[in-house]
Amino acid sequence: MTTLVRLIVMLGMFVVIPLGVALIDGSGVARVRRVWPVAAAAGAVALWLPRGAVATGCAAVYAAATLALAAQAPRHLARTRSLAPSEIAVLTALATPAVAGLALVAERAGHRLFGFDLDILALTVPHFHFAGFAAALIAGLVCRGSGGRTGRCAALSVPLGTLLVLAGYFVDDWAELAGALVLTAGMWLVGLLTWRDLRAAGPDRTTRALLGCSAVVLVATMLLALSWALGEATGLPHPSLAWMAATHGLGNAVGFALCAILAQRRLRIAPPQRPALAPTFKERLA
């Protein structure tokens, strides 16, 4: 696991997931969030230790927290009693960090889980922090904020694409390419709605800038994801894993996930917009 990948994972552990979880209602989710810093610290230690028993134990602490978060998905469903597209995306966000947690335990133990190379397991960790948790959560929140058929399509296609990519790990590169196509379409819809609807209605310049950045970055990062998946399936030249981590991975982590979640937090705490008052008689004469 390279230094860059470790830093990207730590951004997900310490910043993106806690801030994102704070956007999901529910007492159980709040309890998991309170203990998350301890689990994230253990997970971060595991990243920097050599593979072995100590690193595996630290990774297991983090994996336990991700499983506790995943356990909130059925509770969230019972509370909302809704399988609307936006809620499906939120349920996906709650569940996917557990994939990252389990991959981290296996990679730190040096165990080829399901026969996957350790390099693939190492990259699965950031993938399901950002393409799993952050992408699904933002898709659900954008669907709530924008609505309409496009919003519902985005909220469904991002979780579907994420699950298809995961299934592609077990099938073949063509199945993974199909998942990448669905995920890219969903992310581009999220970017379109963010730029067209949410950014235009942003309450202040900073929020609009964060929303705009998260939307624009997706154009480039998801093109990179498609080029890599296409190259793996067809044998055509494509970026290396190291190059993908430095471009697609870093761009999605900082440019999309971090900016989008910070913007959603600002939208949540922004004061309600008051309707403009009709001008007085004296003002109309001025």
Foldseek 3Di string as FASTA:
>chain_A
DDPLLLVLLLCLQPPQVLLLLVVDDDPQSVVLSVCSVVLSVLQSVLVPDAQDDSSLVSLVSNLVSLVSQLVCLVVSCVVVVDPQLLSVLQNQLSNQLNLLSVLSNCLSNVHCVVNNHSVVSSVSNLCSSQLGNLQSNLLSVLCVQQPDPLSSLLSNLSSVLVVQLVVCVVPHLVSNLVSLVSNLVSLLSSLVSLLPPVLVPQPDDLLNVLSNQQSVLSVPLSVLVNQVSVCRVPVDDHDDPVVNCVRNVVSSSVRHRNSSSVSVVCVVPPDDDDDDDDDDPVVVVD
